[in-house]
Amino acid sequence: MCLGIPGRIVEITDFDNYLAKVDVNGVQRTISVRLLENDMPQPEDWVLVHVGFAMAKIDETEALLTLAAVKKLGDAYAAELEAFDSSAIV
């Protein structure tokens, strides 16, 4: 099963290449925000992250509810966080 994980934008690190640093449950990673170039996220915005890409902007309420629901999934959530932690756009 593939999951999108809510993450909060920490900073836009490379405007030209659409890269941003995102915090997902305390783990910070650089992701691509190119798919959102028409509605660029700003620091403190929440996005739904999947395989290194921000797929959609979401509000904080949706992000927190989603994180709570995903945590209940247990092993699937842990596997998704491990995949997120081991992936990086360099």
C-alpha atoms as a PDB file:
ATOM      1  CA  MET A   1       0.000   0.000   0.000  1.00  0.00           C
ATOM      2  CA  CYS A   2       1.276   3.479  -0.825  1.00  0.00           C
ATOM      3  CA  LEU A   3       0.571   6.332   1.525  1.00  0.00           C
ATOM      4  CA  GLY A   4       0.876  10.072   1.248  1.00  0.00           C
ATOM      5  CA  ILE A   5       2.243  11.496   4.475  1.00  0.00           C
ATOM      6  CA  PRO A   6       1.501  15.046   5.651  1.00  0.00           C
ATOM      7  CA  GLY A   7       4.582  17.195   6.045  1.00  0.00           C
ATOM      8  CA  ARG A   8       5.127  20.836   6.931  1.00  0.00           C
ATOM      9  CA  ILE A   9       7.263  22.978   4.628  1.00  0.00           C
ATOM     10  CA  VAL A  10      10.305  24.245   6.531  1.00  0.00           C
ATOM     11  CA  GLU A  11      11.787  26.302   3.705  1.00  0.00           C
ATOM     12  CA  ILE A  12      11.993  26.561  -0.055  1.00  0.00           C
ATOM     13  CA  THR A  13      15.617  25.603  -0.639  1.00  0.00           C
ATOM     14  CA  ASP A  14      15.878  25.997  -4.420  1.00  0.00           C
ATOM     15  CA  PHE A  15      13.265  28.107  -6.216  1.00  0.00           C
ATOM     16  CA  ASP A  16      14.670  27.392  -9.694  1.00  0.00           C
ATOM     17  CA  ASN A  17      14.462  23.624  -9.236  1.00  0.00           C
ATOM     18  CA  TYR A  18      11.302  23.633  -7.098  1.00  0.00           C
ATOM     19  CA  LEU A  19      12.915  22.022  -4.059  1.00  0.00           C
ATOM     20  CA  ALA A  20      11.795  22.461  -0.474  1.00  0.00           C
ATOM     21  CA  LYS A  21      12.754  21.105   2.916  1.00  0.00           C
ATOM     22  CA  VAL A  22       9.819  19.402   4.602  1.00  0.00           C
ATOM     23  CA  ASP A  23       9.393  18.079   8.133  1.00  0.00           C
ATOM     24  CA  VAL A  24       7.554  14.789   8.428  1.00  0.00           C
ATOM     25  CA  ASN A  25       7.173  13.680  12.019  1.00  0.00           C
ATOM     26  CA  GLY A  26      10.507  15.214  13.006  1.00  0.00           C
ATOM     27  CA  VAL A  27      12.400  13.934   9.960  1.00  0.00           C
ATOM     28  CA  GLN A  28      13.486  16.661   7.553  1.00  0.00           C
ATOM     29  CA  ARG A  29      14.064  15.882   3.904  1.00  0.00           C
ATOM     30  CA  THR A  30      14.307  17.759   0.629  1.00  0.00           C
ATOM     31  CA  ILE A  31      11.363  17.126  -1.686  1.00  0.00           C
ATOM     32  CA  SER A  32      10.167  18.403  -5.035  1.00  0.00           C
ATOM     33  CA  VAL A  33       7.295  20.890  -5.033  1.00  0.00           C
ATOM     34  CA  ARG A  34       7.212  21.148  -8.841  1.00  0.00           C
ATOM     35  CA  LEU A  35       3.773  19.538  -9.036  1.00  0.00           C
ATOM     36  CA  LEU A  36       2.482  22.509  -7.037  1.00  0.00           C
ATOM     37  CA  GLU A  37       4.201  25.227  -9.082  1.00  0.00           C
ATOM     38  CA  ASN A  38       0.842  26.922  -9.785  1.00  0.00           C
ATOM     39  CA  ASP A  39       0.087  27.077  -6.049  1.00  0.00           C
ATOM     40  CA  MET A  40       3.570  27.093  -4.507  1.00  0.00           C
ATOM     41  CA  PRO A  41       3.651  26.159  -0.846  1.00  0.00           C
ATOM     42  CA  GLN A  42       5.297  28.547   1.576  1.00  0.00           C
ATOM     43  CA  PRO A  43       7.089  27.815   4.863  1.00  0.00           C
ATOM     44  CA  GLU A  44       4.636  26.484   7.469  1.00  0.00           C
ATOM     45  CA  ASP A  45       2.232  25.181   4.779  1.00  0.00           C
ATOM     46  CA  TRP A  46       1.253  21.528   4.967  1.00  0.00           C
ATOM     47  CA  VAL A  47       1.627  19.259   1.937  1.00  0.00           C
ATOM     48  CA  LEU A  48       0.878  15.629   1.213  1.00  0.00           C
ATOM     49  CA  VAL A  49       4.206  13.910   0.423  1.00  0.00           C
ATOM     50  CA  HIS A  50       4.612  10.727  -1.606  1.00  0.00           C
ATOM     51  CA  VAL A  51       7.913   9.321  -2.935  1.00  0.00           C
ATOM     52  CA  GLY A  52       9.730  12.629  -2.626  1.00  0.00           C
ATOM     53  CA  PHE A  53       7.052  14.825  -4.197  1.00  0.00           C
ATOM     54  CA  ALA A  54       4.533  17.203  -2.677  1.00  0.00           C
ATOM     55  CA  MET A  55       1.295  16.001  -4.259  1.00  0.00           C
ATOM     56  CA  ALA A  56      -1.140  18.551  -2.783  1.00  0.00           C
ATOM     57  CA  LYS A  57      -1.396  21.351  -0.271  1.00  0.00           C
ATOM     58  CA  ILE A  58      -3.585  20.507   2.708  1.00  0.00           C
ATOM     59  CA  ASP A  59      -4.709  22.496   5.716  1.00  0.00           C
ATOM     60  CA  GLU A  60      -3.367  21.876   9.209  1.00  0.00           C
ATOM     61  CA  THR A  61      -6.565  20.219  10.449  1.00  0.00           C
ATOM     62  CA  GLU A  62      -6.508  17.717   7.589  1.00  0.00           C
ATOM     63  CA  ALA A  63      -2.776  17.133   8.143  1.00  0.00           C
ATOM     64  CA  LEU A  64      -3.173  16.397  11.847  1.00  0.00           C
ATOM     65  CA  LEU A  65      -6.207  14.165  11.313  1.00  0.00           C
ATOM     66  CA  THR A  66      -4.360  12.274   8.583  1.00  0.00           C
ATOM     67  CA  LEU A  67      -1.257  11.827  10.752  1.00  0.00           C
ATOM     68  CA  ALA A  68      -3.417  10.475  13.578  1.00  0.00           C
ATOM     69  CA  ALA A  69      -5.175   8.045  11.225  1.00  0.00           C
ATOM     70  CA  VAL A  70      -1.940   6.922   9.609  1.00  0.00           C
ATOM     71  CA  LYS A  71      -0.322   6.275  12.993  1.00  0.00           C
ATOM     72  CA  LYS A  72      -3.108   3.786  13.682  1.00  0.00           C
ATOM     73  CA  LEU A  73      -1.985   1.785  10.663  1.00  0.00           C
ATOM     74  CA  GLY A  74       1.120   0.731  12.570  1.00  0.00           C
ATOM     75  CA  ASP A  75       3.481  -1.256  10.369  1.00  0.00           C
ATOM     76  CA  ALA A  76       2.391   0.365   7.113  1.00  0.00           C
ATOM     77  CA  TYR A  77       3.062   3.795   8.618  1.00  0.00           C
ATOM     78  CA  ALA A  78       6.458   2.727   9.950  1.00  0.00           C
ATOM     79  CA  ALA A  79       7.403   1.346   6.537  1.00  0.00           C
ATOM     80  CA  GLU A  80       6.336   4.587   4.840  1.00  0.00           C
ATOM     81  CA  LEU A  81       8.371   6.683   7.292  1.00  0.00           C
ATOM     82  CA  GLU A  82      11.380   4.414   6.758  1.00  0.00           C
ATOM     83  CA  ALA A  83      11.028   4.860   3.002  1.00  0.00           C
ATOM     84  CA  PHE A  84      10.767   8.619   3.472  1.00  0.00           C
ATOM     85  CA  ASP A  85      13.791   8.666   5.774  1.00  0.00           C
ATOM     86  CA  SER A  86      15.923   6.636   3.358  1.00  0.00           C
ATOM     87  CA  SER A  87      14.990   8.618   0.251  1.00  0.00           C
ATOM     88  CA  ALA A  88      16.425  11.971  -0.655  1.00  0.00           C
ATOM     89  CA  ILE A  89      16.577  14.291  -3.608  1.00  0.00           C
ATOM     90  CA  VAL A  90      20.139  15.488  -3.884  1.00  0.00           C
END
